Amino acid sequence: MEPLDDHELKELVPAWKAPEAPQDLHRQIFGAPRQSWWAWLLTGGIRIPVPACAAIVLLVAWLALGRGSDALPVLPTAGQTVVTLADFRPPAEVQVKLVGALP
């Protein structure tokens, strides 16, 4: 077979037809059509990075376990006195005394 010269190539190029695009090309590029919001609520998902998910789990665990001890007040039993700071007054004068030498 002999190589084509420019004159023959110029005649062949306009006669050449590009092949048609496949029927499912749009779906392959853009994905399937979107489903309705209520269908997404039943079958959808949310992608969360693992470090963010671990931080959320640790925060929820800390809140659940850490708050339990603060919720119960300690009531005095018979024979114990209750101390409050309602009548507390700071000292009128503060005297500072240095002990030892500074290096």
N, C-alpha and C. Protein backbone atom coordinates (compact mmCIF):
# COMPACT_ATOMS: atom_id res chain seq x y z
N MET A 1 0.84 -1.17 0.00
CA MET A 1 0.00 0.00 0.00
C MET A 1 0.89 1.23 0.00
N GLU A 2 0.60 2.14 -0.85
CA GLU A 2 1.40 3.35 -0.98
C GLU A 2 0.86 4.42 -0.02
N PRO A 3 1.76 5.25 0.50
CA PRO A 3 1.29 6.33 1.37
C PRO A 3 0.42 7.32 0.60
N LEU A 4 -0.55 7.88 1.28
CA LEU A 4 -1.45 8.83 0.64
C LEU A 4 -0.78 10.19 0.51
N ASP A 5 -1.02 10.84 -0.61
CA ASP A 5 -0.49 12.20 -0.73
C ASP A 5 -1.53 13.18 -0.20
N ASP A 6 -1.18 14.45 -0.16
CA ASP A 6 -2.06 15.47 0.42
C ASP A 6 -3.38 15.59 -0.34
N HIS A 7 -3.36 15.42 -1.63
CA HIS A 7 -4.57 15.57 -2.41
C HIS A 7 -5.58 14.47 -2.05
N GLU A 8 -5.14 13.23 -1.93
CA GLU A 8 -6.04 12.13 -1.57
C GLU A 8 -6.52 12.26 -0.13
N LEU A 9 -5.64 12.75 0.75
CA LEU A 9 -6.02 12.92 2.17
C LEU A 9 -7.09 14.00 2.31
N LYS A 10 -6.98 15.08 1.55
CA LYS A 10 -7.97 16.15 1.60
C LYS A 10 -9.33 15.66 1.12
N GLU A 11 -9.36 14.69 0.24
CA GLU A 11 -10.63 14.14 -0.22
C GLU A 11 -11.23 13.19 0.80
N LEU A 12 -10.38 12.47 1.55
CA LEU A 12 -10.89 11.50 2.51
C LEU A 12 -11.38 12.13 3.82
N VAL A 13 -10.77 13.21 4.25
CA VAL A 13 -11.12 13.81 5.56
C VAL A 13 -12.57 14.28 5.59
N PRO A 14 -13.10 15.01 4.61
CA PRO A 14 -14.51 15.41 4.70
C PRO A 14 -15.47 14.23 4.60
N ALA A 15 -15.07 13.14 3.98
CA ALA A 15 -15.96 11.99 3.83
C ALA A 15 -16.01 11.15 5.11
N TRP A 16 -15.04 11.31 5.99
CA TRP A 16 -14.99 10.50 7.22
C TRP A 16 -16.03 10.99 8.21
N LYS A 17 -16.78 10.10 8.80
CA LYS A 17 -17.78 10.43 9.80
C LYS A 17 -17.34 9.86 11.15
N ALA A 18 -17.43 10.67 12.18
CA ALA A 18 -17.07 10.23 13.53
C ALA A 18 -18.13 9.26 14.03
N PRO A 19 -17.72 8.26 14.82
CA PRO A 19 -18.73 7.33 15.35
C PRO A 19 -19.63 8.02 16.37
N GLU A 20 -20.85 7.55 16.46
CA GLU A 20 -21.81 8.11 17.41
C GLU A 20 -21.39 7.79 18.84
N ALA A 21 -21.77 8.65 19.77
CA ALA A 21 -21.47 8.43 21.19
C ALA A 21 -22.35 7.30 21.72
N PRO A 22 -21.84 6.50 22.65
CA PRO A 22 -22.66 5.43 23.24
C PRO A 22 -23.88 6.01 23.97
N GLN A 23 -24.93 5.22 24.05
CA GLN A 23 -26.17 5.68 24.68
C GLN A 23 -25.99 5.98 26.18
N ASP A 24 -25.15 5.21 26.87
CA ASP A 24 -25.00 5.39 28.31
C ASP A 24 -23.83 6.29 28.69
N LEU A 25 -23.30 7.09 27.76
CA LEU A 25 -22.17 7.96 28.04
C LEU A 25 -22.53 9.03 29.07
N HIS A 26 -23.70 9.61 28.96
CA HIS A 26 -24.12 10.65 29.91
C HIS A 26 -24.20 10.09 31.33
N ARG A 27 -24.75 8.89 31.48
CA ARG A 27 -24.86 8.28 32.80
C ARG A 27 -23.48 7.94 33.36
N GLN A 28 -22.55 7.52 32.49
CA GLN A 28 -21.21 7.18 32.96
C GLN A 28 -20.46 8.41 33.44
N ILE A 29 -20.69 9.55 32.82
CA ILE A 29 -19.97 10.77 33.19
C ILE A 29 -20.63 11.46 34.38
N PHE A 30 -21.93 11.63 34.34
CA PHE A 30 -22.63 12.41 35.35
C PHE A 30 -23.30 11.56 36.42
N GLY A 31 -23.28 10.28 36.30
CA GLY A 31 -23.91 9.40 37.28
C GLY A 31 -25.40 9.23 37.02
N ALA A 32 -26.00 8.44 37.88
CA ALA A 32 -27.44 8.16 37.74
C ALA A 32 -28.24 9.41 38.12
N PRO A 33 -29.46 9.54 37.64
CA PRO A 33 -30.29 10.69 38.01
C PRO A 33 -30.53 10.71 39.52
N ARG A 34 -30.66 11.90 40.06
CA ARG A 34 -30.85 12.05 41.50
C ARG A 34 -32.20 11.49 41.95
N GLN A 35 -32.19 10.90 43.14
CA GLN A 35 -33.43 10.38 43.69
C GLN A 35 -34.08 11.46 44.55
N SER A 36 -35.33 11.29 44.90
CA SER A 36 -36.03 12.29 45.69
C SER A 36 -35.47 12.33 47.12
N TRP A 37 -35.78 13.42 47.84
CA TRP A 37 -35.21 13.61 49.18
C TRP A 37 -35.73 12.57 50.16
N TRP A 38 -36.98 12.15 50.02
CA TRP A 38 -37.50 11.16 50.96
C TRP A 38 -36.89 9.79 50.70
N ALA A 39 -36.59 9.48 49.45
CA ALA A 39 -35.91 8.22 49.15
C ALA A 39 -34.48 8.26 49.68
N TRP A 40 -33.85 9.44 49.63
CA TRP A 40 -32.49 9.57 50.17
C TRP A 40 -32.50 9.38 51.69
N LEU A 41 -33.56 9.84 52.37
CA LEU A 41 -33.64 9.66 53.83
C LEU A 41 -33.68 8.19 54.20
N LEU A 42 -34.26 7.36 53.33
CA LEU A 42 -34.34 5.93 53.63
C LEU A 42 -33.07 5.18 53.24
N THR A 43 -32.41 5.59 52.18
CA THR A 43 -31.29 4.81 51.66
C THR A 43 -29.99 5.58 51.58
N GLY A 44 -29.98 6.88 51.87
CA GLY A 44 -28.80 7.71 51.66
C GLY A 44 -27.77 7.58 52.77
N GLY A 45 -26.66 8.23 52.56
CA GLY A 45 -25.58 8.22 53.53
C GLY A 45 -24.81 9.52 53.49
N ILE A 46 -24.05 9.79 54.55
CA ILE A 46 -23.22 10.98 54.64
C ILE A 46 -21.80 10.52 54.87
N ARG A 47 -20.87 11.01 54.06
CA ARG A 47 -19.47 10.63 54.19
C ARG A 47 -18.80 11.55 55.20
N ILE A 48 -18.19 10.97 56.24
CA ILE A 48 -17.48 11.71 57.28
C ILE A 48 -16.07 11.14 57.37
N PRO A 49 -15.04 12.00 57.37
CA PRO A 49 -13.67 11.50 57.53
C PRO A 49 -13.50 10.80 58.88
N VAL A 50 -12.65 9.80 58.93
CA VAL A 50 -12.46 9.00 60.14
C VAL A 50 -12.01 9.85 61.33
N PRO A 51 -11.05 10.79 61.20
CA PRO A 51 -10.67 11.59 62.38
C PRO A 51 -11.83 12.42 62.93
N ALA A 52 -12.66 12.97 62.05
CA ALA A 52 -13.80 13.75 62.53
C ALA A 52 -14.81 12.85 63.24
N CYS A 53 -15.03 11.67 62.72
CA CYS A 53 -15.96 10.72 63.35
C CYS A 53 -15.42 10.30 64.72
N ALA A 54 -14.12 10.03 64.82
CA ALA A 54 -13.52 9.63 66.09
C ALA A 54 -13.62 10.77 67.11
N ALA A 55 -13.41 12.00 66.68
CA ALA A 55 -13.52 13.13 67.59
C ALA A 55 -14.95 13.30 68.10
N ILE A 56 -15.92 13.10 67.23
CA ILE A 56 -17.33 13.22 67.64
C ILE A 56 -17.68 12.12 68.65
N VAL A 57 -17.22 10.89 68.39
CA VAL A 57 -17.50 9.78 69.31
C VAL A 57 -16.86 10.04 70.67
N LEU A 58 -15.61 10.51 70.68
CA LEU A 58 -14.95 10.81 71.96
C LEU A 58 -15.64 11.94 72.70
N LEU A 59 -16.09 12.96 71.99
CA LEU A 59 -16.79 14.07 72.63
C LEU A 59 -18.11 13.61 73.25
N VAL A 60 -18.86 12.81 72.53
CA VAL A 60 -20.13 12.32 73.06
C VAL A 60 -19.88 11.41 74.27
N ALA A 61 -18.86 10.55 74.20
CA ALA A 61 -18.55 9.68 75.34
C ALA A 61 -18.12 10.50 76.54
N TRP A 62 -17.30 11.53 76.32
CA TRP A 62 -16.85 12.37 77.44
C TRP A 62 -18.03 13.10 78.07
N LEU A 63 -18.94 13.60 77.24
CA LEU A 63 -20.11 14.29 77.78
C LEU A 63 -21.02 13.32 78.53
N ALA A 64 -21.16 12.11 78.02
CA ALA A 64 -22.05 11.14 78.67
C ALA A 64 -21.47 10.64 79.98
N LEU A 65 -20.18 10.36 80.01
CA LEU A 65 -19.57 9.80 81.22
C LEU A 65 -19.12 10.87 82.21
N GLY A 66 -18.71 12.01 81.75
CA GLY A 66 -18.20 13.06 82.63
C GLY A 66 -19.28 13.80 83.39
N ARG A 67 -20.45 13.87 82.84
CA ARG A 67 -21.53 14.63 83.47
C ARG A 67 -22.26 13.85 84.57
N GLY A 68 -22.08 12.56 84.62
CA GLY A 68 -22.82 11.75 85.59
C GLY A 68 -22.45 12.05 87.04
N SER A 69 -21.19 12.33 87.34
CA SER A 69 -20.79 12.57 88.73
C SER A 69 -21.20 13.95 89.20
N ASP A 70 -21.34 14.94 88.31
CA ASP A 70 -21.71 16.29 88.73
C ASP A 70 -23.21 16.42 88.98
N ALA A 71 -23.99 15.50 88.52
CA ALA A 71 -25.44 15.63 88.62
C ALA A 71 -25.96 15.32 90.03
N LEU A 72 -25.24 14.54 90.82
CA LEU A 72 -25.71 14.17 92.14
C LEU A 72 -25.11 15.07 93.21
N PRO A 73 -25.93 15.86 93.90
CA PRO A 73 -25.39 16.71 94.97
C PRO A 73 -25.11 15.87 96.22
N VAL A 74 -24.13 16.29 96.99
CA VAL A 74 -23.77 15.60 98.23
C VAL A 74 -24.50 16.30 99.36
N LEU A 75 -25.39 15.58 100.01
CA LEU A 75 -26.15 16.15 101.12
C LEU A 75 -25.48 15.78 102.44
N PRO A 76 -25.44 16.72 103.38
CA PRO A 76 -24.81 16.40 104.67
C PRO A 76 -25.68 15.43 105.46
N THR A 77 -25.00 14.54 106.17
CA THR A 77 -25.71 13.59 107.04
C THR A 77 -25.82 14.19 108.43
N ALA A 78 -26.49 13.51 109.32
CA ALA A 78 -26.65 14.01 110.69
C ALA A 78 -25.29 14.07 111.36
N GLY A 79 -24.99 15.15 112.04
CA GLY A 79 -23.72 15.31 112.73
C GLY A 79 -22.71 16.09 111.92
N GLN A 80 -22.95 16.33 110.66
CA GLN A 80 -22.03 17.12 109.85
C GLN A 80 -22.53 18.55 109.76
N THR A 81 -21.60 19.49 109.73
CA THR A 81 -21.99 20.89 109.59
C THR A 81 -21.80 21.31 108.13
N VAL A 82 -22.67 22.18 107.71
CA VAL A 82 -22.61 22.70 106.35
C VAL A 82 -21.81 23.98 106.36
N VAL A 83 -20.80 24.06 105.50
CA VAL A 83 -19.95 25.24 105.43
C VAL A 83 -20.30 25.98 104.13
N THR A 84 -20.63 27.25 104.25
CA THR A 84 -20.91 28.07 103.08
C THR A 84 -19.97 29.28 103.09
N LEU A 85 -19.83 29.91 101.98
CA LEU A 85 -18.98 31.09 101.88
C LEU A 85 -19.80 32.37 101.84
N ALA A 86 -21.01 32.30 102.33
CA ALA A 86 -21.88 33.47 102.30
C ALA A 86 -21.34 34.58 103.19
N ASP A 87 -20.74 34.26 104.33
CA ASP A 87 -20.23 35.28 105.27
C ASP A 87 -18.74 35.51 105.11
N PHE A 88 -18.12 35.04 104.04
CA PHE A 88 -16.68 35.18 103.87
C PHE A 88 -16.33 36.63 103.55
N ARG A 89 -15.27 37.12 104.26
CA ARG A 89 -14.75 38.45 104.00
C ARG A 89 -13.24 38.33 103.90
N PRO A 90 -12.63 38.91 102.85
CA PRO A 90 -11.18 38.83 102.74
C PRO A 90 -10.52 39.66 103.85
N PRO A 91 -9.25 39.34 104.18
CA PRO A 91 -8.58 40.09 105.23
C PRO A 91 -8.38 41.55 104.83
N ALA A 92 -8.40 42.41 105.81
CA ALA A 92 -8.26 43.84 105.56
C ALA A 92 -6.83 44.19 105.15
N GLU A 93 -5.85 43.50 105.71
CA GLU A 93 -4.45 43.80 105.41
C GLU A 93 -3.70 42.50 105.19
N VAL A 94 -2.84 42.48 104.14
CA VAL A 94 -2.05 41.31 103.84
C VAL A 94 -0.59 41.65 104.06
N GLN A 95 0.11 40.84 104.86
CA GLN A 95 1.53 41.05 105.12
C GLN A 95 2.31 39.94 104.43
N VAL A 96 3.29 40.35 103.58
CA VAL A 96 4.10 39.40 102.84
C VAL A 96 5.43 39.27 103.56
N LYS A 97 5.90 38.05 103.79
CA LYS A 97 7.15 37.79 104.47
C LYS A 97 7.98 36.85 103.61
N LEU A 98 9.20 37.25 103.21
CA LEU A 98 10.09 36.42 102.42
C LEU A 98 10.91 35.53 103.33
N VAL A 99 10.97 34.27 103.01
CA VAL A 99 11.76 33.32 103.78
C VAL A 99 12.83 32.76 102.87
N GLY A 100 14.08 32.90 103.25
CA GLY A 100 15.17 32.38 102.43
C GLY A 100 15.66 33.41 101.43
N ALA A 101 16.78 33.14 100.82
CA ALA A 101 17.38 34.08 99.87
C ALA A 101 17.11 33.60 98.45
N LEU A 102 16.92 34.53 97.56
CA LEU A 102 16.73 34.21 96.16
C LEU A 102 18.09 34.01 95.48
N PRO A 103 18.25 33.08 94.58
CA PRO A 103 19.56 32.88 93.95
C PRO A 103 19.91 33.98 92.98
